[in-house]
Amino acid sequence: VTIADVVTVTGVDFGRMIDFRPDAELVHVNRWLDAMLARPAAKAGM
């Protein structure tokens, strides 16, 4: 995990408060996001 991963997942997670979600067509982005959110730190609230 890099600082870029942490910053990006935090930004996307924050975006959910305003109903922002990556397009479903962005398969690799959504796979990465699912993997990041499945990590223990994400489950603990980072």
Protein backbone atom coordinates (compact mmCIF):
# COMPACT_ATOMS: atom_id res chain seq x y z
CA VAL A 1 0.00 0.00 0.00
CA THR A 2 1.34 3.40 -0.96
CA ILE A 3 0.46 6.89 0.18
CA ALA A 4 -1.31 7.28 -3.18
CA ASP A 5 -3.55 4.31 -2.29
CA VAL A 6 -4.41 5.80 1.10
CA VAL A 7 -5.14 9.26 -0.31
CA THR A 8 -7.23 7.93 -3.18
CA VAL A 9 -9.32 5.52 -1.12
CA THR A 10 -9.91 8.27 1.43
CA GLY A 11 -11.04 10.66 -1.31
CA VAL A 12 -13.36 8.11 -2.90
CA ASP A 13 -14.77 7.17 0.51
CA PHE A 14 -15.37 10.85 1.25
CA GLY A 15 -17.05 11.20 -2.14
CA ARG A 16 -19.65 8.65 -1.11
CA MET A 17 -21.12 11.27 1.21
CA ILE A 18 -22.13 13.24 -1.89
CA ASP A 19 -23.16 10.11 -3.82
CA PHE A 20 -19.99 9.99 -5.93
CA ARG A 21 -19.12 6.53 -7.13
CA PRO A 22 -16.69 5.42 -9.85
CA ASP A 23 -18.47 4.28 -13.02
CA ALA A 24 -19.21 0.56 -13.14
CA GLU A 25 -17.31 0.40 -16.44
CA LEU A 26 -14.07 1.15 -14.58
CA VAL A 27 -13.55 -2.50 -13.71
CA HIS A 28 -9.95 -2.19 -12.53
CA VAL A 29 -10.67 0.87 -10.39
CA ASN A 30 -13.61 -0.84 -8.72
CA ARG A 31 -11.59 -4.03 -8.16
CA TRP A 32 -8.82 -1.97 -6.55
CA LEU A 33 -11.33 -0.05 -4.43
CA ASP A 34 -12.99 -3.26 -3.23
CA ALA A 35 -9.57 -4.68 -2.32
CA MET A 36 -8.59 -1.52 -0.43
CA LEU A 37 -11.89 -1.38 1.48
CA ALA A 38 -11.51 -5.05 2.44
CA ARG A 39 -8.23 -4.36 4.25
CA PRO A 40 -8.31 -4.46 8.07
CA ALA A 41 -7.33 -0.78 8.35
CA ALA A 42 -10.28 0.28 6.19
CA LYS A 43 -12.66 -1.84 8.23
CA ALA A 44 -11.31 -0.19 11.39
CA GLY A 45 -12.00 3.27 9.98
CA MET A 46 -8.40 4.02 8.98
